[in-house]
Amino acid sequence: NDNLWISAYGGLTIYNPEGISDDMLTKSGLSSTQGIEKIDVSIFPNPSTEMFTILTAGDQQIDLSVISVMGEELMVDMDITTPFQLHHTLAPGIYFVMLKNSSGEQSYVEKIIVSR
C-alpha cells in the first residue's frame, strides 16, 4: 500500500495512513536530531487502567505528551515535577508517552498500554 508509512525513533513507531512529514516529526518532537540524551525514567504500572506513575532520577521538571499510534498528540502537560501521577480516561489501546526536560536536551519515549 503506497499510503502506509511507518517511522521509528528510539523504540517509538508511528503509523499514519497519510504518511509522516518532516513537519509532523518536528511538531511531535521526534526529529532525528543526534546528541539528545535519554532521561532516566520509570513508568508504571504498565499496562494500566486509569493511572500511570512517572518517576525520573532526581526531581526534574519535564514536559509530557501522550501520543496515539496514529501520531495524534492526545494529552500535554508542561513543566510537571516528578514523581507524577498521570490520570487518564484513554480508551483501551497502545499509546506513547514522550518526556522532554525543559531545555530539550534530554528526551524519553515509552510505549504504554491502557486496559480495562
PDB file of N, CA and C in Angstrom:
ATOM      1  N   ASN A   1       0.854  -1.178   0.000  1.00  0.00           N
ATOM      2  CA  ASN A   1       0.000   0.000   0.000  1.00  0.00           C
ATOM      3  C   ASN A   1       0.892   1.229   0.000  1.00  0.00           C
ATOM      4  N   ASP A   2       0.733   2.113  -0.986  1.00  0.00           N
ATOM      5  CA  ASP A   2       1.554   3.313  -1.096  1.00  0.00           C
ATOM      6  C   ASP A   2       1.272   4.320  -0.001  1.00  0.00           C
ATOM      7  N   ASN A   3       0.150   4.204   0.705  1.00  0.00           N
ATOM      8  CA  ASN A   3      -0.213   5.177   1.724  1.00  0.00           C
ATOM      9  C   ASN A   3       0.221   4.776   3.131  1.00  0.00           C
ATOM     10  N   LEU A   4       0.888   3.657   3.271  1.00  0.00           N
ATOM     11  CA  LEU A   4       1.297   3.191   4.588  1.00  0.00           C
ATOM     12  C   LEU A   4       2.731   3.620   4.853  1.00  0.00           C
ATOM     13  N   TRP A   5       2.896   4.420   5.910  1.00  0.00           N
ATOM     14  CA  TRP A   5       4.233   4.874   6.301  1.00  0.00           C
ATOM     15  C   TRP A   5       4.453   4.498   7.748  1.00  0.00           C
ATOM     16  N   ILE A   6       5.607   4.026   8.028  1.00  0.00           N
ATOM     17  CA  ILE A   6       5.959   3.724   9.408  1.00  0.00           C
ATOM     18  C   ILE A   6       7.313   4.361   9.676  1.00  0.00           C
ATOM     19  N   SER A   7       7.409   5.047  10.787  1.00  0.00           N
ATOM     20  CA  SER A   7       8.665   5.692  11.165  1.00  0.00           C
ATOM     21  C   SER A   7       9.018   5.266  12.575  1.00  0.00           C
ATOM     22  N   ALA A   8      10.254   4.921  12.794  1.00  0.00           N
ATOM     23  CA  ALA A   8      10.683   4.504  14.128  1.00  0.00           C
ATOM     24  C   ALA A   8      11.730   5.468  14.654  1.00  0.00           C
ATOM     25  N   TYR A   9      11.648   5.757  15.953  1.00  0.00           N
ATOM     26  CA  TYR A   9      12.610   6.632  16.621  1.00  0.00           C
ATOM     27  C   TYR A   9      12.742   6.163  18.055  1.00  0.00           C
ATOM     28  N   GLY A  10      13.880   5.675  18.416  1.00  0.00           N
ATOM     29  CA  GLY A  10      14.126   5.287  19.804  1.00  0.00           C
ATOM     30  C   GLY A  10      13.101   4.322  20.355  1.00  0.00           C
ATOM     31  N   GLY A  11      12.633   3.368  19.554  1.00  0.00           N
ATOM     32  CA  GLY A  11      11.646   2.420  20.027  1.00  0.00           C
ATOM     33  C   GLY A  11      10.218   2.888  19.815  1.00  0.00           C
ATOM     34  N   LEU A  12      10.030   4.107  19.304  1.00  0.00           N
ATOM     35  CA  LEU A  12       8.689   4.634  19.063  1.00  0.00           C
ATOM     36  C   LEU A  12       8.341   4.412  17.612  1.00  0.00           C
ATOM     37  N   THR A  13       7.187   3.817  17.351  1.00  0.00           N
ATOM     38  CA  THR A  13       6.718   3.630  15.998  1.00  0.00           C
ATOM     39  C   THR A  13       5.406   4.372  15.828  1.00  0.00           C
ATOM     40  N   ILE A  14       5.335   5.183  14.788  1.00  0.00           N
ATOM     41  CA  ILE A  14       4.110   5.924  14.488  1.00  0.00           C
ATOM     42  C   ILE A  14       3.559   5.405  13.172  1.00  0.00           C
ATOM     43  N   TYR A  15       2.279   5.114  13.140  1.00  0.00           N
ATOM     44  CA  TYR A  15       1.599   4.709  11.923  1.00  0.00           C
ATOM     45  C   TYR A  15       0.672   5.830  11.511  1.00  0.00           C
ATOM     46  N   ASN A  16       0.745   6.235  10.285  1.00  0.00           N
ATOM     47  CA  ASN A  16      -0.141   7.269   9.769  1.00  0.00           C
ATOM     48  C   ASN A  16      -0.430   6.952   8.311  1.00  0.00           C
ATOM     49  N   PRO A  17      -1.690   6.682   7.953  1.00  0.00           N
ATOM     50  CA  PRO A  17      -2.003   6.306   6.574  1.00  0.00           C
ATOM     51  C   PRO A  17      -1.711   7.426   5.576  1.00  0.00           C
ATOM     52  N   GLU A  18      -1.631   8.678   6.030  1.00  0.00           N
ATOM     53  CA  GLU A  18      -1.316   9.783   5.124  1.00  0.00           C
ATOM     54  C   GLU A  18       0.185  10.006   5.006  1.00  0.00           C
ATOM     55  N   GLY A  19       0.962   9.264   5.771  1.00  0.00           N
ATOM     56  CA  GLY A  19       2.405   9.428   5.730  1.00  0.00           C
ATOM     57  C   GLY A  19       2.884  10.326   6.853  1.00  0.00           C
ATOM     58  N   ILE A  20       4.159  10.358   7.034  1.00  0.00           N
ATOM     59  CA  ILE A  20       4.757  11.170   8.078  1.00  0.00           C
ATOM     60  C   ILE A  20       5.606  12.235   7.419  1.00  0.00           C
ATOM     61  N   SER A  21       5.277  13.463   7.690  1.00  0.00           N
ATOM     62  CA  SER A  21       6.016  14.576   7.103  1.00  0.00           C
ATOM     63  C   SER A  21       7.053  15.076   8.088  1.00  0.00           C
ATOM     64  N   ASP A  22       8.036  15.836   7.578  1.00  0.00           N
ATOM     65  CA  ASP A  22       9.032  16.450   8.461  1.00  0.00           C
ATOM     66  C   ASP A  22       8.344  17.368   9.454  1.00  0.00           C
ATOM     67  N   ASP A  23       7.288  18.053   9.021  1.00  0.00           N
ATOM     68  CA  ASP A  23       6.552  18.964   9.895  1.00  0.00           C
ATOM     69  C   ASP A  23       5.924  18.195  11.056  1.00  0.00           C
ATOM     70  N   MET A  24       5.366  17.005  10.781  1.00  0.00           N
ATOM     71  CA  MET A  24       4.747  16.194  11.821  1.00  0.00           C
ATOM     72  C   MET A  24       5.801  15.758  12.838  1.00  0.00           C
ATOM     73  N   LEU A  25       6.974  15.349  12.358  1.00  0.00           N
ATOM     74  CA  LEU A  25       8.033  14.934  13.264  1.00  0.00           C
ATOM     75  C   LEU A  25       8.490  16.102  14.121  1.00  0.00           C
ATOM     76  N   THR A  26       8.608  17.275  13.527  1.00  0.00           N
ATOM     77  CA  THR A  26       9.034  18.451  14.270  1.00  0.00           C
ATOM     78  C   THR A  26       8.020  18.802  15.339  1.00  0.00           C
ATOM     79  N   LYS A  27       6.726  18.818  14.987  1.00  0.00           N
ATOM     80  CA  LYS A  27       5.676  19.153  15.957  1.00  0.00           C
ATOM     81  C   LYS A  27       5.625  18.157  17.100  1.00  0.00           C
ATOM     82  N   SER A  28       5.885  16.884  16.811  1.00  0.00           N
ATOM     83  CA  SER A  28       5.819  15.868  17.855  1.00  0.00           C
ATOM     84  C   SER A  28       7.126  15.757  18.625  1.00  0.00           C
ATOM     85  N   GLY A  29       8.162  16.470  18.167  1.00  0.00           N
ATOM     86  CA  GLY A  29       9.447  16.405  18.845  1.00  0.00           C
ATOM     87  C   GLY A  29      10.255  15.185  18.458  1.00  0.00           C
ATOM     88  N   LEU A  30       9.855  14.505  17.395  1.00  0.00           N
ATOM     89  CA  LEU A  30      10.522  13.264  17.001  1.00  0.00           C
ATOM     90  C   LEU A  30      11.477  13.489  15.839  1.00  0.00           C
ATOM     91  N   SER A  31      12.210  14.574  15.878  1.00  0.00           N
ATOM     92  CA  SER A  31      13.176  14.824  14.826  1.00  0.00           C
ATOM     93  C   SER A  31      14.322  13.836  14.979  1.00  0.00           C
ATOM     94  N   SER A  32      15.136  13.757  13.966  1.00  0.00           N
ATOM     95  CA  SER A  32      16.254  12.820  14.012  1.00  0.00           C
ATOM     96  C   SER A  32      17.501  13.473  14.600  1.00  0.00           C
ATOM     97  N   THR A  33      17.328  14.504  15.398  1.00  0.00           N
ATOM     98  CA  THR A  33      18.445  15.218  15.999  1.00  0.00           C
ATOM     99  C   THR A  33      19.315  14.263  16.809  1.00  0.00           C
ATOM    100  N   GLN A  34      20.602  14.305  16.571  1.00  0.00           N
ATOM    101  CA  GLN A  34      21.545  13.453  17.299  1.00  0.00           C
ATOM    102  C   GLN A  34      22.036  14.180  18.542  1.00  0.00           C
ATOM    103  N   GLY A  35      22.532  13.451  19.502  1.00  0.00           N
ATOM    104  CA  GLY A  35      23.154  14.046  20.669  1.00  0.00           C
ATOM    105  C   GLY A  35      22.200  14.362  21.811  1.00  0.00           C
ATOM    106  N   ILE A  36      20.925  14.009  21.686  1.00  0.00           N
ATOM    107  CA  ILE A  36      19.984  14.230  22.775  1.00  0.00           C
ATOM    108  C   ILE A  36      20.101  13.055  23.732  1.00  0.00           C
ATOM    109  N   GLU A  37      20.337  13.354  24.997  1.00  0.00           N
ATOM    110  CA  GLU A  37      20.475  12.302  25.990  1.00  0.00           C
ATOM    111  C   GLU A  37      19.111  11.791  26.427  1.00  0.00           C
ATOM    112  N   LYS A  38      19.097  10.576  26.898  1.00  0.00           N
ATOM    113  CA  LYS A  38      17.861   9.948  27.363  1.00  0.00           C
ATOM    114  C   LYS A  38      17.651  10.252  28.849  1.00  0.00           C
ATOM    115  N   ILE A  39      16.423  10.632  29.208  1.00  0.00           N
ATOM    116  CA  ILE A  39      16.070  10.839  30.605  1.00  0.00           C
ATOM    117  C   ILE A  39      15.917   9.473  31.262  1.00  0.00           C
ATOM    118  N   ASP A  40      16.403   9.317  32.479  1.00  0.00           N
ATOM    119  CA  ASP A  40      16.249   8.077  33.234  1.00  0.00           C
ATOM    120  C   ASP A  40      14.843   8.068  33.843  1.00  0.00           C
ATOM    121  N   VAL A  41      13.943   7.226  33.296  1.00  0.00           N
ATOM    122  CA  VAL A  41      12.520   7.264  33.645  1.00  0.00           C
ATOM    123  C   VAL A  41      11.993   5.873  33.951  1.00  0.00           C
ATOM    124  N   SER A  42      11.012   5.825  34.845  1.00  0.00           N
ATOM    125  CA  SER A  42      10.250   4.607  35.101  1.00  0.00           C
ATOM    126  C   SER A  42       8.768   4.972  35.033  1.00  0.00           C
ATOM    127  N   ILE A  43       7.993   4.229  34.232  1.00  0.00           N
ATOM    128  CA  ILE A  43       6.547   4.445  34.110  1.00  0.00           C
ATOM    129  C   ILE A  43       5.866   3.136  34.501  1.00  0.00           C
ATOM    130  N   PHE A  44       4.972   3.219  35.505  1.00  0.00           N
ATOM    131  CA  PHE A  44       4.316   2.003  35.989  1.00  0.00           C
ATOM    132  C   PHE A  44       2.957   2.359  36.586  1.00  0.00           C
ATOM    133  N   PRO A  45       2.024   1.423  36.785  1.00  0.00           N
ATOM    134  CA  PRO A  45       2.063   0.077  36.209  1.00  0.00           C
ATOM    135  C   PRO A  45       1.813   0.161  34.708  1.00  0.00           C
ATOM    136  N   ASN A  46       2.286  -0.791  33.997  1.00  0.00           N
ATOM    137  CA  ASN A  46       2.092  -0.825  32.547  1.00  0.00           C
ATOM    138  C   ASN A  46       1.920  -2.269  32.139  1.00  0.00           C
ATOM    139  N   PRO A  47       0.702  -2.689  31.785  1.00  0.00           N
ATOM    140  CA  PRO A  47      -0.496  -1.894  31.460  1.00  0.00           C
ATOM    141  C   PRO A  47      -1.185  -1.315  32.699  1.00  0.00           C
ATOM    142  N   SER A  48      -2.052  -0.340  32.408  1.00  0.00           N
ATOM    143  CA  SER A  48      -2.794   0.354  33.460  1.00  0.00           C
ATOM    144  C   SER A  48      -4.232   0.579  33.007  1.00  0.00           C
ATOM    145  N   THR A  49      -5.101   0.831  33.989  1.00  0.00           N
ATOM    146  CA  THR A  49      -6.495   1.103  33.649  1.00  0.00           C
ATOM    147  C   THR A  49      -6.837   2.585  33.748  1.00  0.00           C
ATOM    148  N   GLU A  50      -6.323   3.284  34.753  1.00  0.00           N
ATOM    149  CA  GLU A  50      -6.719   4.683  34.967  1.00  0.00           C
ATOM    150  C   GLU A  50      -5.566   5.625  35.284  1.00  0.00           C
ATOM    151  N   MET A  51      -4.400   5.111  35.656  1.00  0.00           N
ATOM    152  CA  MET A  51      -3.326   5.979  36.110  1.00  0.00           C
ATOM    153  C   MET A  51      -1.964   5.331  35.879  1.00  0.00           C
ATOM    154  N   PHE A  52      -1.006   6.159  35.471  1.00  0.00           N
ATOM    155  CA  PHE A  52       0.386   5.752  35.380  1.00  0.00           C
ATOM    156  C   PHE A  52       1.191   6.646  36.314  1.00  0.00           C
ATOM    157  N   THR A  53       2.177   6.084  36.989  1.00  0.00           N
ATOM    158  CA  THR A  53       3.098   6.868  37.794  1.00  0.00           C
ATOM    159  C   THR A  53       4.388   7.025  36.997  1.00  0.00           C
ATOM    160  N   ILE A  54       4.895   8.243  36.953  1.00  0.00           N
ATOM    161  CA  ILE A  54       6.117   8.542  36.218  1.00  0.00           C
ATOM    162  C   ILE A  54       7.165   9.009  37.216  1.00  0.00           C
ATOM    163  N   LEU A  55       8.291   8.305  37.240  1.00  0.00           N
ATOM    164  CA  LEU A  55       9.412   8.653  38.115  1.00  0.00           C
ATOM    165  C   LEU A  55      10.632   8.943  37.252  1.00  0.00           C
ATOM    166  N   THR A  56      11.401   9.949  37.642  1.00  0.00           N
ATOM    167  CA  THR A  56      12.677  10.209  36.992  1.00  0.00           C
ATOM    168  C   THR A  56      13.765  10.213  38.057  1.00  0.00           C
ATOM    169  N   ALA A  57      14.996  10.106  37.622  1.00  0.00           N
ATOM    170  CA  ALA A  57      16.121  10.181  38.550  1.00  0.00           C
ATOM    171  C   ALA A  57      16.238  11.620  39.025  1.00  0.00           C
ATOM    172  N   GLY A  58      16.030  11.847  40.306  1.00  0.00           N
ATOM    173  CA  GLY A  58      16.057  13.211  40.835  1.00  0.00           C
ATOM    174  C   GLY A  58      14.777  13.941  40.504  1.00  0.00           C
ATOM    175  N   ASP A  59      14.581  15.052  41.152  1.00  0.00           N
ATOM    176  CA  ASP A  59      13.399  15.870  40.861  1.00  0.00           C
ATOM    177  C   ASP A  59      13.688  16.712  39.629  1.00  0.00           C
ATOM    178  N   GLN A  60      12.936  16.465  38.574  1.00  0.00           N
ATOM    179  CA  GLN A  60      13.114  17.210  37.336  1.00  0.00           C
ATOM    180  C   GLN A  60      11.789  17.792  36.902  1.00  0.00           C
ATOM    181  N   GLN A  61      11.845  18.933  36.249  1.00  0.00           N
ATOM    182  CA  GLN A  61      10.655  19.444  35.585  1.00  0.00           C
ATOM    183  C   GLN A  61      10.738  18.984  34.144  1.00  0.00           C
ATOM    184  N   ILE A  62       9.659  18.353  33.689  1.00  0.00           N
ATOM    185  CA  ILE A  62       9.644  17.809  32.339  1.00  0.00           C
ATOM    186  C   ILE A  62       8.338  18.163  31.651  1.00  0.00           C
ATOM    187  N   ASP A  63       8.362  18.099  30.331  1.00  0.00           N
ATOM    188  CA  ASP A  63       7.164  18.242  29.512  1.00  0.00           C
ATOM    189  C   ASP A  63       6.735  16.843  29.100  1.00  0.00           C
ATOM    190  N   LEU A  64       5.436  16.577  29.182  1.00  0.00           N
ATOM    191  CA  LEU A  64       4.899  15.253  28.917  1.00  0.00           C
ATOM    192  C   LEU A  64       3.872  15.342  27.798  1.00  0.00           C
ATOM    193  N   SER A  65       3.939  14.403  26.861  1.00  0.00           N
ATOM    194  CA  SER A  65       2.923  14.269  25.813  1.00  0.00           C
ATOM    195  C   SER A  65       2.506  12.813  25.735  1.00  0.00           C
ATOM    196  N   VAL A  66       1.214  12.575  25.513  1.00  0.00           N
ATOM    197  CA  VAL A  66       0.706  11.233  25.237  1.00  0.00           C
ATOM    198  C   VAL A  66       0.271  11.240  23.780  1.00  0.00           C
ATOM    199  N   ILE A  67       0.809  10.286  23.012  1.00  0.00           N
ATOM    200  CA  ILE A  67       0.600  10.248  21.564  1.00  0.00           C
ATOM    201  C   ILE A  67      -0.050   8.924  21.190  1.00  0.00           C
ATOM    202  N   SER A  68      -1.058   8.982  20.319  1.00  0.00           N
ATOM    203  CA  SER A  68      -1.726   7.764  19.842  1.00  0.00           C
ATOM    204  C   SER A  68      -0.838   7.068  18.812  1.00  0.00           C
ATOM    205  N   VAL A  69      -1.182   5.830  18.466  1.00  0.00           N
ATOM    206  CA  VAL A  69      -0.429   5.106  17.445  1.00  0.00           C
ATOM    207  C   VAL A  69      -0.603   5.751  16.066  1.00  0.00           C
ATOM    208  N   MET A  70      -1.592   6.617  15.924  1.00  0.00           N
ATOM    209  CA  MET A  70      -1.794   7.354  14.686  1.00  0.00           C
ATOM    210  C   MET A  70      -0.975   8.651  14.649  1.00  0.00           C
ATOM    211  N   GLY A  71      -0.222   8.924  15.709  1.00  0.00           N
ATOM    212  CA  GLY A  71       0.612  10.105  15.747  1.00  0.00           C
ATOM    213  C   GLY A  71      -0.070  11.350  16.282  1.00  0.00           C
ATOM    214  N   GLU A  72      -1.290  11.200  16.794  1.00  0.00           N
ATOM    215  CA  GLU A  72      -2.044  12.345  17.324  1.00  0.00           C
ATOM    216  C   GLU A  72      -1.656  12.606  18.776  1.00  0.00           C
ATOM    217  N   GLU A  73      -1.328  13.849  19.075  1.00  0.00           N
ATOM    218  CA  GLU A  73      -0.993  14.229  20.444  1.00  0.00           C
ATOM    219  C   GLU A  73      -2.307  14.378  21.213  1.00  0.00           C
ATOM    220  N   LEU A  74      -2.532  13.509  22.205  1.00  0.00           N
ATOM    221  CA  LEU A  74      -3.799  13.453  22.921  1.00  0.00           C
ATOM    222  C   LEU A  74      -3.788  14.218  24.235  1.00  0.00           C
ATOM    223  N   MET A  75      -2.650  14.256  24.895  1.00  0.00           N
ATOM    224  CA  MET A  75      -2.529  14.944  26.178  1.00  0.00           C
ATOM    225  C   MET A  75      -1.183  15.655  26.219  1.00  0.00           C
ATOM    226  N   VAL A  76      -1.176  16.827  26.832  1.00  0.00           N
ATOM    227  CA  VAL A  76       0.071  17.568  27.024  1.00  0.00           C
ATOM    228  C   VAL A  76       0.058  18.164  28.425  1.00  0.00           C
ATOM    229  N   ASP A  77       1.135  17.971  29.157  1.00  0.00           N
ATOM    230  CA  ASP A  77       1.348  18.611  30.457  1.00  0.00           C
ATOM    231  C   ASP A  77       2.740  19.209  30.424  1.00  0.00           C
ATOM    232  N   MET A  78       2.838  20.502  30.666  1.00  0.00           N
ATOM    233  CA  MET A  78       4.117  21.193  30.632  1.00  0.00           C
ATOM    234  C   MET A  78       4.626  21.412  32.047  1.00  0.00           C
ATOM    235  N   ASP A  79       5.920  21.348  32.190  1.00  0.00           N
ATOM    236  CA  ASP A  79       6.609  21.648  33.454  1.00  0.00           C
ATOM    237  C   ASP A  79       6.075  20.861  34.643  1.00  0.00           C
ATOM    238  N   ILE A  80       5.874  19.562  34.447  1.00  0.00           N
ATOM    239  CA  ILE A  80       5.466  18.726  35.575  1.00  0.00           C
ATOM    240  C   ILE A  80       6.704  18.359  36.380  1.00  0.00           C
ATOM    241  N   THR A  81       6.520  18.105  37.640  1.00  0.00           N
ATOM    242  CA  THR A  81       7.608  17.673  38.512  1.00  0.00           C
ATOM    243  C   THR A  81       7.356  16.220  38.886  1.00  0.00           C
ATOM    244  N   THR A  82       8.385  15.416  38.820  1.00  0.00           N
ATOM    245  CA  THR A  82       8.230  14.007  39.156  1.00  0.00           C
ATOM    246  C   THR A  82       8.627  13.786  40.611  1.00  0.00           C
ATOM    247  N   PRO A  83       8.047  12.773  41.263  1.00  0.00           N
ATOM    248  CA  PRO A  83       7.105  11.810  40.705  1.00  0.00           C
ATOM    249  C   PRO A  83       5.778  12.466  40.333  1.00  0.00           C
ATOM    250  N   PHE A  84       5.153  11.920  39.290  1.00  0.00           N
ATOM    251  CA  PHE A  84       3.917  12.475  38.748  1.00  0.00           C
ATOM    252  C   PHE A  84       2.949  11.336  38.494  1.00  0.00           C
ATOM    253  N   GLN A  85       1.690  11.548  38.833  1.00  0.00           N
ATOM    254  CA  GLN A  85       0.665  10.548  38.539  1.00  0.00           C
ATOM    255  C   GLN A  85      -0.178  11.055  37.381  1.00  0.00           C
ATOM    256  N   LEU A  86      -0.143  10.308  36.287  1.00  0.00           N
ATOM    257  CA  LEU A  86      -0.885  10.649  35.075  1.00  0.00           C
ATOM    258  C   LEU A  86      -2.229   9.933  35.118  1.00  0.00           C
ATOM    259  N   HIS A  87      -3.260  10.680  35.494  1.00  0.00           N
ATOM    260  CA  HIS A  87      -4.626  10.130  35.487  1.00  0.00           C
ATOM    261  C   HIS A  87      -5.193  10.348  34.096  1.00  0.00           C
ATOM    262  N   HIS A  88      -5.872   9.346  33.557  1.00  0.00           N
ATOM    263  CA  HIS A  88      -6.344   9.447  32.178  1.00  0.00           C
ATOM    264  C   HIS A  88      -7.705   8.776  32.012  1.00  0.00           C
ATOM    265  N   THR A  89      -8.325   9.102  30.915  1.00  0.00           N
ATOM    266  CA  THR A  89      -9.579   8.450  30.509  1.00  0.00           C
ATOM    267  C   THR A  89      -9.416   7.917  29.084  1.00  0.00           C
ATOM    268  N   LEU A  90      -8.213   7.473  28.766  1.00  0.00           N
ATOM    269  CA  LEU A  90      -7.926   6.964  27.429  1.00  0.00           C
ATOM    270  C   LEU A  90      -8.661   5.653  27.181  1.00  0.00           C
ATOM    271  N   ALA A  91      -9.068   5.450  25.954  1.00  0.00           N
ATOM    272  CA  ALA A  91      -9.684   4.187  25.557  1.00  0.00           C
ATOM    273  C   ALA A  91      -8.616   3.089  25.601  1.00  0.00           C
ATOM    274  N   PRO A  92      -9.017   1.848  25.812  1.00  0.00           N
ATOM    275  CA  PRO A  92      -8.035   0.768  25.795  1.00  0.00           C
ATOM    276  C   PRO A  92      -7.249   0.769  24.489  1.00  0.00           C
ATOM    277  N   GLY A  93      -5.959   0.553  24.596  1.00  0.00           N
ATOM    278  CA  GLY A  93      -5.109   0.529  23.411  1.00  0.00           C
ATOM    279  C   GLY A  93      -3.666   0.825  23.753  1.00  0.00           C
ATOM    280  N   ILE A  94      -2.878   1.065  22.711  1.00  0.00           N
ATOM    281  CA  ILE A  94      -1.457   1.353  22.850  1.00  0.00           C
ATOM    282  C   ILE A  94      -1.225   2.835  22.580  1.00  0.00           C
ATOM    283  N   TYR A  95      -0.416   3.447  23.430  1.00  0.00           N
ATOM    284  CA  TYR A  95      -0.077   4.861  23.322  1.00  0.00           C
ATOM    285  C   TYR A  95       1.414   5.014  23.593  1.00  0.00           C
ATOM    286  N   PHE A  96       1.922   6.210  23.384  1.00  0.00           N
ATOM    287  CA  PHE A  96       3.314   6.509  23.668  1.00  0.00           C
ATOM    288  C   PHE A  96       3.383   7.727  24.566  1.00  0.00           C
ATOM    289  N   VAL A  97       4.213   7.645  25.591  1.00  0.00           N
ATOM    290  CA  VAL A  97       4.472   8.782  26.466  1.00  0.00           C
ATOM    291  C   VAL A  97       5.819   9.348  26.046  1.00  0.00           C
ATOM    292  N   MET A  98       5.831  10.638  25.702  1.00  0.00           N
ATOM    293  CA  MET A  98       7.074  11.309  25.351  1.00  0.00           C
ATOM    294  C   MET A  98       7.370  12.348  26.425  1.00  0.00           C
ATOM    295  N   LEU A  99       8.570  12.290  26.984  1.00  0.00           N
ATOM    296  CA  LEU A  99       9.002  13.218  28.013  1.00  0.00           C
ATOM    297  C   LEU A  99      10.229  13.969  27.516  1.00  0.00           C
ATOM    298  N   LYS A 100      10.295  15.265  27.810  1.00  0.00           N
ATOM    299  CA  LYS A 100      11.472  16.074  27.489  1.00  0.00           C
ATOM    300  C   LYS A 100      11.760  16.977  28.668  1.00  0.00           C
ATOM    301  N   ASN A 101      13.044  17.170  28.965  1.00  0.00           N
ATOM    302  CA  ASN A 101      13.341  18.128  30.023  1.00  0.00           C
ATOM    303  C   ASN A 101      13.125  19.532  29.472  1.00  0.00           C
ATOM    304  N   SER A 102      13.058  20.513  30.353  1.00  0.00           N
ATOM    305  CA  SER A 102      12.674  21.870  29.943  1.00  0.00           C
ATOM    306  C   SER A 102      13.635  22.482  28.938  1.00  0.00           C
ATOM    307  N   SER A 103      14.885  22.071  28.944  1.00  0.00           N
ATOM    308  CA  SER A 103      15.840  22.621  27.981  1.00  0.00           C
ATOM    309  C   SER A 103      15.812  21.873  26.649  1.00  0.00           C
ATOM    310  N   GLY A 104      15.112  20.737  26.602  1.00  0.00           N
ATOM    311  CA  GLY A 104      15.052  19.941  25.383  1.00  0.00           C
ATOM    312  C   GLY A 104      16.299  19.113  25.135  1.00  0.00           C
ATOM    313  N   GLU A 105      17.223  19.094  26.104  1.00  0.00           N
ATOM    314  CA  GLU A 105      18.478  18.370  25.933  1.00  0.00           C
ATOM    315  C   GLU A 105      18.340  16.879  26.208  1.00  0.00           C
ATOM    316  N   GLN A 106      17.289  16.486  26.912  1.00  0.00           N
ATOM    317  CA  GLN A 106      17.064  15.081  27.209  1.00  0.00           C
ATOM    318  C   GLN A 106      15.640  14.719  26.818  1.00  0.00           C
ATOM    319  N   SER A 107      15.461  13.498  26.322  1.00  0.00           N
ATOM    320  CA  SER A 107      14.126  13.048  25.952  1.00  0.00           C
ATOM    321  C   SER A 107      13.972  11.564  26.254  1.00  0.00           C
ATOM    322  N   TYR A 108      12.722  11.133  26.272  1.00  0.00           N
ATOM    323  CA  TYR A 108      12.420   9.737  26.583  1.00  0.00           C
ATOM    324  C   TYR A 108      11.067   9.402  25.965  1.00  0.00           C
ATOM    325  N   VAL A 109      10.940   8.233  25.365  1.00  0.00           N
ATOM    326  CA  VAL A 109       9.670   7.768  24.816  1.00  0.00           C
ATOM    327  C   VAL A 109       9.454   6.340  25.285  1.00  0.00           C
ATOM    328  N   GLU A 110       8.236   6.064  25.782  1.00  0.00           N
ATOM    329  CA  GLU A 110       7.898   4.708  26.189  1.00  0.00           C
ATOM    330  C   GLU A 110       6.491   4.358  25.755  1.00  0.00           C
ATOM    331  N   LYS A 111       6.331   3.135  25.313  1.00  0.00           N
ATOM    332  CA  LYS A 111       5.014   2.614  24.938  1.00  0.00           C
ATOM    333  C   LYS A 111       4.251   2.297  26.224  1.00  0.00           C
ATOM    334  N   ILE A 112       2.994   2.736  26.298  1.00  0.00           N
ATOM    335  CA  ILE A 112       2.132   2.374  27.420  1.00  0.00           C
ATOM    336  C   ILE A 112       0.910   1.658  26.872  1.00  0.00           C
ATOM    337  N   ILE A 113       0.344   0.810  27.704  1.00  0.00           N
ATOM    338  CA  ILE A 113      -0.851   0.062  27.314  1.00  0.00           C
ATOM    339  C   ILE A 113      -1.956   0.378  28.297  1.00  0.00           C
ATOM    340  N   VAL A 114      -3.102   0.794  27.760  1.00  0.00           N
ATOM    341  CA  VAL A 114      -4.282   1.053  28.575  1.00  0.00           C
ATOM    342  C   VAL A 114      -5.218  -0.138  28.412  1.00  0.00           C
ATOM    343  N   SER A 115      -5.608  -0.719  29.535  1.00  0.00           N
ATOM    344  CA  SER A 115      -6.520  -1.868  29.503  1.00  0.00           C
ATOM    345  C   SER A 115      -7.723  -1.537  30.380  1.00  0.00           C
ATOM    346  N   ARG A 116      -8.760  -2.311  30.256  1.00  0.00           N
ATOM    347  CA  ARG A 116      -9.966  -2.134  31.089  1.00  0.00           C
ATOM    348  C   ARG A 116     -10.296  -3.428  31.768  1.00  0.00           C
TER     349      ARG A 116
END
